[in-house]
PDB file of N, CA and C in Angstrom:
ATOM      1  N   UNK A   1       0.904  -1.152   0.047  1.00  0.00           N
ATOM      2  CA  UNK A   1       0.074  -0.060  -0.042  1.00  0.00           C
ATOM      3  C   UNK A   1       0.942   1.262  -0.015  1.00  0.00           C
ATOM      4  N   UNK A   2       0.501   2.137  -0.809  1.00  0.00           N
ATOM      5  CA  UNK A   2       1.355   3.449  -0.918  1.00  0.00           C
ATOM      6  C   UNK A   2       0.874   4.463   0.078  1.00  0.00           C
ATOM      7  N   UNK A   3       1.613   5.529   0.089  1.00  0.00           N
ATOM      8  CA  UNK A   3       1.315   6.578   1.099  1.00  0.00           C
ATOM      9  C   UNK A   3       0.843   7.776   0.363  1.00  0.00           C
ATOM     10  N   UNK A   4      -0.405   8.289   0.802  1.00  0.00           N
ATOM     11  CA  UNK A   4      -0.935   9.458   0.172  1.00  0.00           C
ATOM     12  C   UNK A   4      -0.400  10.649   1.001  1.00  0.00           C
ATOM     13  N   UNK A   5       0.150  11.696   0.217  1.00  0.00           N
ATOM     14  CA  UNK A   5       0.609  12.877   0.969  1.00  0.00           C
ATOM     15  C   UNK A   5      -0.376  14.086   0.610  1.00  0.00           C
ATOM     16  N   UNK A   6      -0.251  15.142   1.445  1.00  0.00           N
ATOM     17  CA  UNK A   6      -1.067  16.231   1.100  1.00  0.00           C
ATOM     18  C   UNK A   6      -0.741  16.762  -0.303  1.00  0.00           C
ATOM     19  N   UNK A   7      -1.905  17.000  -1.032  1.00  0.00           N
ATOM     20  CA  UNK A   7      -1.747  17.353  -2.474  1.00  0.00           C
ATOM     21  C   UNK A   7      -1.883  16.232  -3.510  1.00  0.00           C
ATOM     22  N   UNK A   8      -1.766  14.934  -3.100  1.00  0.00           N
ATOM     23  CA  UNK A   8      -1.906  13.884  -3.954  1.00  0.00           C
ATOM     24  C   UNK A   8      -3.363  13.658  -4.475  1.00  0.00           C
ATOM     25  N   UNK A   9      -4.340  14.386  -3.811  1.00  0.00           N
ATOM     26  CA  UNK A   9      -5.727  14.077  -4.251  1.00  0.00           C
ATOM     27  C   UNK A   9      -5.892  14.677  -5.669  1.00  0.00           C
ATOM     28  N   UNK A  10      -5.029  15.609  -6.205  1.00  0.00           N
ATOM     29  CA  UNK A  10      -5.221  15.984  -7.567  1.00  0.00           C
ATOM     30  C   UNK A  10      -4.865  14.806  -8.536  1.00  0.00           C
ATOM     31  N   UNK A  11      -4.186  13.777  -8.139  1.00  0.00           N
ATOM     32  CA  UNK A  11      -3.761  12.655  -8.998  1.00  0.00           C
ATOM     33  C   UNK A  11      -4.695  11.400  -8.754  1.00  0.00           C
ATOM     34  N   UNK A  12      -5.506  11.420  -7.825  1.00  0.00           N
ATOM     35  CA  UNK A  12      -6.333  10.218  -7.454  1.00  0.00           C
ATOM     36  C   UNK A  12      -7.879  10.604  -7.615  1.00  0.00           C
ATOM     37  N   UNK A  13      -8.688   9.631  -7.952  1.00  0.00           N
ATOM     38  CA  UNK A  13     -10.065   9.537  -7.829  1.00  0.00           C
ATOM     39  C   UNK A  13     -10.356   8.992  -6.295  1.00  0.00           C
ATOM     40  N   UNK A  14     -11.472   9.085  -5.939  1.00  0.00           N
ATOM     41  CA  UNK A  14     -11.976   8.758  -4.630  1.00  0.00           C
ATOM     42  C   UNK A  14     -11.685   7.407  -4.367  1.00  0.00           C
ATOM     43  N   UNK A  15     -11.587   6.428  -5.275  1.00  0.00           N
ATOM     44  CA  UNK A  15     -11.322   4.916  -5.041  1.00  0.00           C
ATOM     45  C   UNK A  15      -9.836   4.765  -4.928  1.00  0.00           C
ATOM     46  N   UNK A  16      -9.070   5.774  -5.177  1.00  0.00           N
ATOM     47  CA  UNK A  16      -7.404   5.639  -5.038  1.00  0.00           C
ATOM     48  C   UNK A  16      -6.850   5.573  -6.284  1.00  0.00           C
ATOM     49  N   UNK A  17      -7.597   5.177  -7.420  1.00  0.00           N
ATOM     50  CA  UNK A  17      -6.923   5.086  -8.761  1.00  0.00           C
ATOM     51  C   UNK A  17      -6.484   6.395  -9.227  1.00  0.00           C
ATOM     52  N   UNK A  18      -5.412   6.261 -10.192  1.00  0.00           N
ATOM     53  CA  UNK A  18      -4.861   7.553 -10.729  1.00  0.00           C
ATOM     54  C   UNK A  18      -5.621   8.026 -11.889  1.00  0.00           C
ATOM     55  N   UNK A  19      -5.693   9.448 -11.906  1.00  0.00           N
ATOM     56  CA  UNK A  19      -6.384  10.172 -13.008  1.00  0.00           C
ATOM     57  C   UNK A  19      -5.338  10.286 -14.034  1.00  0.00           C
ATOM     58  N   UNK A  20      -5.873   9.828 -15.383  1.00  0.00           N
ATOM     59  CA  UNK A  20      -4.949   9.975 -16.420  1.00  0.00           C
ATOM     60  C   UNK A  20      -5.399  11.010 -17.356  1.00  0.00           C
ATOM     61  N   UNK A  21      -6.543  11.725 -17.021  1.00  0.00           N
ATOM     62  CA  UNK A  21      -7.046  12.836 -17.837  1.00  0.00           C
ATOM     63  C   UNK A  21      -6.689  14.052 -17.007  1.00  0.00           C
ATOM     64  N   UNK A  22      -6.147  15.151 -17.685  1.00  0.00           N
ATOM     65  CA  UNK A  22      -5.859  16.362 -16.962  1.00  0.00           C
ATOM     66  C   UNK A  22      -7.116  16.944 -16.246  1.00  0.00           C
ATOM     67  N   UNK A  23      -6.965  17.666 -15.199  1.00  0.00           N
ATOM     68  CA  UNK A  23      -8.095  18.243 -14.417  1.00  0.00           C
ATOM     69  C   UNK A  23      -8.690  19.422 -15.219  1.00  0.00           C
ATOM     70  N   UNK A  24      -7.991  19.996 -16.218  1.00  0.00           N
ATOM     71  CA  UNK A  24      -8.488  21.116 -16.906  1.00  0.00           C
ATOM     72  C   UNK A  24      -8.447  20.798 -18.440  1.00  0.00           C
ATOM     73  N   UNK A  25      -9.439  20.943 -19.280  1.00  0.00           N
ATOM     74  CA  UNK A  25      -9.386  20.669 -20.708  1.00  0.00           C
ATOM     75  C   UNK A  25      -8.194  21.433 -21.323  1.00  0.00           C
ATOM     76  N   UNK A  26      -7.730  22.413 -20.758  1.00  0.00           N
ATOM     77  CA  UNK A  26      -6.777  23.279 -21.461  1.00  0.00           C
ATOM     78  C   UNK A  26      -5.262  22.874 -21.055  1.00  0.00           C
ATOM     79  N   UNK A  27      -5.218  21.877 -20.076  1.00  0.00           N
ATOM     80  CA  UNK A  27      -3.989  21.438 -19.545  1.00  0.00           C
ATOM     81  C   UNK A  27      -3.350  20.442 -20.679  1.00  0.00           C
ATOM     82  N   UNK A  28      -2.091  20.627 -20.805  1.00  0.00           N
ATOM     83  CA  UNK A  28      -1.496  19.887 -21.883  1.00  0.00           C
ATOM     84  C   UNK A  28      -1.315  18.356 -21.403  1.00  0.00           C
ATOM     85  N   UNK A  29      -1.826  17.447 -22.224  1.00  0.00           N
ATOM     86  CA  UNK A  29      -1.845  15.969 -21.753  1.00  0.00           C
ATOM     87  C   UNK A  29      -0.459  15.559 -21.625  1.00  0.00           C
ATOM     88  N   UNK A  30       0.455  15.836 -22.451  1.00  0.00           N
ATOM     89  CA  UNK A  30       1.779  15.210 -22.290  1.00  0.00           C
ATOM     90  C   UNK A  30       2.407  15.769 -20.878  1.00  0.00           C
ATOM     91  N   UNK A  31       2.178  16.951 -20.579  1.00  0.00           N
ATOM     92  CA  UNK A  31       2.656  17.496 -19.254  1.00  0.00           C
ATOM     93  C   UNK A  31       1.958  16.808 -18.213  1.00  0.00           C
ATOM     94  N   UNK A  32       0.730  16.474 -18.200  1.00  0.00           N
ATOM     95  CA  UNK A  32      -0.046  15.715 -17.232  1.00  0.00           C
ATOM     96  C   UNK A  32       0.429  14.361 -17.005  1.00  0.00           C
ATOM     97  N   UNK A  33       0.670  13.732 -18.273  1.00  0.00           N
ATOM     98  CA  UNK A  33       1.115  12.315 -18.166  1.00  0.00           C
ATOM     99  C   UNK A  33       2.408  12.220 -17.446  1.00  0.00           C
ATOM    100  N   UNK A  34       3.320  13.131 -17.635  1.00  0.00           N
ATOM    101  CA  UNK A  34       4.745  13.240 -17.018  1.00  0.00           C
ATOM    102  C   UNK A  34       4.493  13.360 -15.546  1.00  0.00           C
ATOM    103  N   UNK A  35       3.706  14.451 -15.076  1.00  0.00           N
ATOM    104  CA  UNK A  35       3.360  14.620 -13.683  1.00  0.00           C
ATOM    105  C   UNK A  35       2.851  13.421 -13.135  1.00  0.00           C
ATOM    106  N   UNK A  36       1.816  12.612 -13.616  1.00  0.00           N
ATOM    107  CA  UNK A  36       1.473  11.384 -13.008  1.00  0.00           C
ATOM    108  C   UNK A  36       2.381  10.311 -13.075  1.00  0.00           C
ATOM    109  N   UNK A  37       3.247  10.325 -14.029  1.00  0.00           N
ATOM    110  CA  UNK A  37       4.318   9.321 -13.936  1.00  0.00           C
ATOM    111  C   UNK A  37       5.441   9.550 -12.915  1.00  0.00           C
ATOM    112  N   UNK A  38       5.638  10.775 -12.624  1.00  0.00           N
ATOM    113  CA  UNK A  38       6.567  11.061 -11.415  1.00  0.00           C
ATOM    114  C   UNK A  38       5.812  10.937 -10.198  1.00  0.00           C
ATOM    115  N   UNK A  39       4.688  11.190 -10.169  1.00  0.00           N
ATOM    116  CA  UNK A  39       3.821  10.959  -8.805  1.00  0.00           C
ATOM    117  C   UNK A  39       3.872   9.465  -8.570  1.00  0.00           C
ATOM    118  N   UNK A  40       3.647   8.685  -9.573  1.00  0.00           N
ATOM    119  CA  UNK A  40       3.593   7.164  -9.446  1.00  0.00           C
ATOM    120  C   UNK A  40       4.885   6.722  -8.882  1.00  0.00           C
ATOM    121  N   UNK A  41       5.954   7.276  -9.556  1.00  0.00           N
ATOM    122  CA  UNK A  41       7.393   6.850  -8.981  1.00  0.00           C
ATOM    123  C   UNK A  41       7.616   7.160  -7.557  1.00  0.00           C
ATOM    124  N   UNK A  42       7.048   8.310  -7.156  1.00  0.00           N
ATOM    125  CA  UNK A  42       7.185   8.723  -5.637  1.00  0.00           C
ATOM    126  C   UNK A  42       6.444   7.660  -4.853  1.00  0.00           C
ATOM    127  N   UNK A  43       5.340   7.122  -5.266  1.00  0.00           N
ATOM    128  CA  UNK A  43       4.567   5.987  -4.579  1.00  0.00           C
ATOM    129  C   UNK A  43       5.502   4.848  -4.350  1.00  0.00           C
ATOM    130  N   UNK A  44       6.195   4.476  -5.511  1.00  0.00           N
ATOM    131  CA  UNK A  44       7.113   3.452  -5.514  1.00  0.00           C
ATOM    132  C   UNK A  44       8.367   3.696  -4.596  1.00  0.00           C
ATOM    133  N   UNK A  45       8.861   4.804  -4.500  1.00  0.00           N
ATOM    134  CA  UNK A  45       9.943   5.167  -3.587  1.00  0.00           C
ATOM    135  C   UNK A  45       9.520   4.972  -2.235  1.00  0.00           C
ATOM    136  N   UNK A  46       8.247   5.345  -1.905  1.00  0.00           N
ATOM    137  CA  UNK A  46       7.765   5.252  -0.524  1.00  0.00           C
ATOM    138  C   UNK A  46       7.427   3.844  -0.123  1.00  0.00           C
ATOM    139  N   UNK A  47       7.342   2.887  -1.105  1.00  0.00           N
ATOM    140  CA  UNK A  47       6.905   1.517  -0.833  1.00  0.00           C
ATOM    141  C   UNK A  47       8.348   0.613  -0.627  1.00  0.00           C
ATOM    142  N   UNK A  48       9.379   1.066  -1.040  1.00  0.00           N
ATOM    143  CA  UNK A  48      10.612   0.193  -0.920  1.00  0.00           C
ATOM    144  C   UNK A  48      10.899  -0.117   0.474  1.00  0.00           C
ATOM    145  N   UNK A  49      11.277  -1.325   0.857  1.00  0.00           N
ATOM    146  CA  UNK A  49      11.595  -1.675   2.274  1.00  0.00           C
ATOM    147  C   UNK A  49      12.753  -0.762   2.845  1.00  0.00           C
ATOM    148  N   UNK A  50      12.583  -0.560   4.179  1.00  0.00           N
ATOM    149  CA  UNK A  50      13.578   0.293   4.798  1.00  0.00           C
ATOM    150  C   UNK A  50      14.852  -0.616   5.333  1.00  0.00           C
ATOM    151  N   UNK A  51      14.786  -1.987   5.152  1.00  0.00           N
ATOM    152  CA  UNK A  51      15.741  -2.867   5.560  1.00  0.00           C
ATOM    153  C   UNK A  51      16.540  -3.288   4.339  1.00  0.00           C
ATOM    154  N   UNK A  52      17.826  -3.567   4.572  1.00  0.00           N
ATOM    155  CA  UNK A  52      18.593  -4.154   3.390  1.00  0.00           C
ATOM    156  C   UNK A  52      18.589  -5.546   3.553  1.00  0.00           C
ATOM    157  N   UNK A  53      18.360  -6.257   2.414  1.00  0.00           N
ATOM    158  CA  UNK A  53      18.222  -7.722   2.424  1.00  0.00           C
ATOM    159  C   UNK A  53      19.468  -8.096   1.767  1.00  0.00           C
ATOM    160  N   UNK A  54      20.217  -9.074   2.374  1.00  0.00           N
ATOM    161  CA  UNK A  54      21.382  -9.549   2.018  1.00  0.00           C
ATOM    162  C   UNK A  54      21.226 -10.927   1.270  1.00  0.00           C
ATOM    163  N   UNK A  55      21.764 -11.265   0.277  1.00  0.00           N
ATOM    164  CA  UNK A  55      21.560 -12.594  -0.414  1.00  0.00           C
ATOM    165  C   UNK A  55      22.706 -13.510   0.023  1.00  0.00           C
ATOM    166  N   UNK A  56      22.336 -14.620   0.495  1.00  0.00           N
ATOM    167  CA  UNK A  56      23.378 -15.625   0.903  1.00  0.00           C
ATOM    168  C   UNK A  56      23.789 -16.373  -0.326  1.00  0.00           C
ATOM    169  N   UNK A  57      25.116 -16.499  -0.521  1.00  0.00           N
ATOM    170  CA  UNK A  57      25.633 -17.212  -1.632  1.00  0.00           C
ATOM    171  C   UNK A  57      26.138 -18.550  -1.305  1.00  0.00           C
TER     172      UNK A  57
END
């Protein structure tokens, strides 16, 4: 499960899914796509484990 931060609501519907359509019809779709992509990467960054896993060889 990811962490929602203040301001994340502009990227999410009420069910938690991501919005792929810009909030304003005049908003550039390519810019919005990049913002959503970066937002999703921030989710992944927050989901990474905080402990280091060592592989036994």
